[in-house]
Amino acid sequence: QVQLVESGGGLVQPGGSLRLSCAVSGRMLSISHMGWYRQAPGKQRELVATLTSGGSTHYADSVKGRFTISRDNAKNTLYLQMNSLKPEDTAVYYCHRPTTDWGTGSWGQGTQVTVSS
């Protein structure tokens, strides 16, 4: 049973930075595809970034150049470095490990990110 536990969310001013962490248990991170999703109030959950087991990354156009997904295999932890944050980045951010397709599989409990002055 895979467990995903996010941390690192909070309140930040526009232009600021945050780093989200996702501690993974029950599965070796190095052999897993992993991703970050987010859901803003009144909106559908959307893909933010993905990292394959082979190290390939993909980003939503809205965060490209500002966010970086990475992992520390020794710590079995996934990260999302978020820079130049904007109010429209405000959402609950979820760590995700897909099973058959992206969007189906294991999810963390989510961590709130609020970008506001």
Protein backbone atom coordinates (compact mmCIF):
# COMPACT_ATOMS: atom_id res chain seq x y z
CA GLN A 1 0.00 0.00 0.00
CA VAL A 2 1.55 3.25 -1.17
CA GLN A 3 1.27 6.21 1.18
CA LEU A 4 1.95 9.78 0.13
CA VAL A 5 2.26 12.60 2.67
CA GLU A 6 2.66 16.18 1.48
CA SER A 7 4.10 19.09 3.43
CA GLY A 8 5.48 22.57 2.82
CA GLY A 9 2.39 24.54 1.89
CA GLY A 10 1.53 27.90 3.36
CA LEU A 11 0.87 31.57 2.74
CA VAL A 12 3.32 33.45 0.53
CA GLN A 13 3.34 36.84 -1.16
CA PRO A 14 3.23 37.16 -4.95
CA GLY A 15 6.71 36.65 -6.34
CA GLY A 16 7.72 34.43 -3.45
CA SER A 17 8.79 30.81 -3.34
CA LEU A 18 7.76 27.59 -1.63
CA ARG A 19 9.02 24.04 -1.76
CA LEU A 20 6.53 21.22 -1.39
CA SER A 21 7.61 17.78 -0.25
CA CYS A 22 5.93 14.41 -0.65
CA ALA A 23 7.18 11.56 1.52
CA VAL A 24 6.57 8.23 -0.21
CA SER A 25 6.26 4.93 1.63
CA GLY A 26 5.39 1.47 0.40
CA ARG A 27 7.08 1.89 -2.96
CA MET A 28 10.58 2.83 -4.09
CA LEU A 29 10.44 6.32 -5.53
CA SER A 30 13.23 5.60 -8.00
CA ILE A 31 11.08 3.13 -9.95
CA SER A 32 7.85 5.13 -9.84
CA HIS A 33 6.35 7.72 -12.09
CA MET A 34 5.21 10.60 -9.86
CA GLY A 35 3.36 13.86 -10.26
CA TRP A 36 1.91 16.96 -8.67
CA TYR A 37 -1.64 18.11 -9.24
CA ARG A 38 -3.54 21.07 -7.84
CA GLN A 39 -7.15 22.04 -7.31
CA ALA A 40 -8.33 25.61 -6.85
CA PRO A 41 -11.73 26.42 -5.32
CA GLY A 42 -14.52 25.79 -7.80
CA LYS A 43 -12.17 24.27 -10.38
CA GLN A 44 -11.24 20.78 -11.47
CA ARG A 45 -8.03 19.16 -10.33
CA GLU A 46 -5.29 19.85 -12.88
CA LEU A 47 -1.88 18.41 -13.65
CA VAL A 48 1.02 20.61 -12.59
CA ALA A 49 4.13 18.51 -13.22
CA THR A 50 5.23 14.92 -13.75
CA LEU A 51 8.48 13.03 -13.30
CA THR A 52 8.93 9.60 -14.81
CA SER A 53 11.04 6.81 -13.35
CA GLY A 54 13.52 7.52 -16.13
CA GLY A 55 13.84 11.15 -15.11
CA SER A 56 11.77 12.84 -17.81
CA THR A 57 9.75 15.85 -16.70
CA HIS A 58 6.62 17.55 -17.99
CA TYR A 59 5.05 20.80 -16.85
CA ALA A 60 1.75 22.54 -17.37
CA ASP A 61 2.20 25.64 -19.55
CA SER A 62 1.01 27.82 -16.67
CA VAL A 63 3.96 26.82 -14.45
CA LYS A 64 6.70 26.18 -17.02
CA GLY A 65 9.86 28.06 -16.14
CA ARG A 66 8.69 28.74 -12.58
CA PHE A 67 8.18 25.29 -11.02
CA THR A 68 10.64 22.39 -10.83
CA ILE A 69 9.78 18.79 -9.95
CA SER A 70 12.53 16.62 -8.51
CA ARG A 71 13.12 13.65 -6.23
CA ASP A 72 15.59 12.41 -3.65
CA ASN A 73 15.71 8.63 -4.00
CA ALA A 74 17.69 8.19 -0.79
CA LYS A 75 14.95 9.96 1.16
CA ASN A 76 12.12 8.53 -0.98
CA THR A 77 10.79 12.06 -1.27
CA LEU A 78 9.33 14.00 -4.20
CA TYR A 79 9.63 17.79 -4.35
CA LEU A 80 8.01 20.70 -6.14
CA GLN A 81 10.03 23.92 -6.06
CA MET A 82 7.73 26.83 -6.83
CA ASN A 83 9.22 30.23 -7.68
CA SER A 84 7.71 33.51 -8.84
CA LEU A 85 4.39 32.49 -7.35
CA LYS A 86 1.24 34.20 -8.56
CA PRO A 87 -2.20 34.53 -6.94
CA GLU A 88 -3.56 32.14 -9.57
CA ASP A 89 -1.25 29.44 -8.15
CA THR A 90 -3.43 29.36 -5.04
CA ALA A 91 -4.77 25.82 -4.66
CA VAL A 92 -4.52 22.58 -2.73
CA TYR A 93 -1.53 20.69 -4.12
CA TYR A 94 -1.60 16.90 -4.28
CA CYS A 95 1.16 14.36 -4.70
CA HIS A 96 0.21 11.53 -7.06
CA ARG A 97 1.50 8.14 -8.08
CA PRO A 98 -0.36 6.81 -11.10
CA THR A 99 -1.21 3.16 -11.59
CA THR A 100 -2.67 2.67 -15.06
CA ASP A 101 -3.02 6.29 -16.21
CA TRP A 102 -2.22 9.76 -14.90
CA GLY A 103 -5.05 10.76 -12.63
CA THR A 104 -5.79 7.24 -11.39
CA GLY A 105 -3.85 5.75 -8.51
CA SER A 106 -2.61 6.96 -5.15
CA TRP A 107 -3.03 10.48 -3.79
CA GLY A 108 -1.78 12.34 -0.78
CA GLN A 109 -4.04 14.34 1.50
CA GLY A 110 -3.05 17.64 -0.08
CA THR A 111 -1.31 20.77 1.15
CA GLN A 112 -2.74 24.29 0.84
CA VAL A 113 -0.77 26.95 -1.01
CA THR A 114 -2.09 30.50 -0.80
CA VAL A 115 -0.46 33.32 -2.75
CA SER A 116 -1.69 36.67 -1.52
CA SER A 117 -0.44 40.06 -0.41
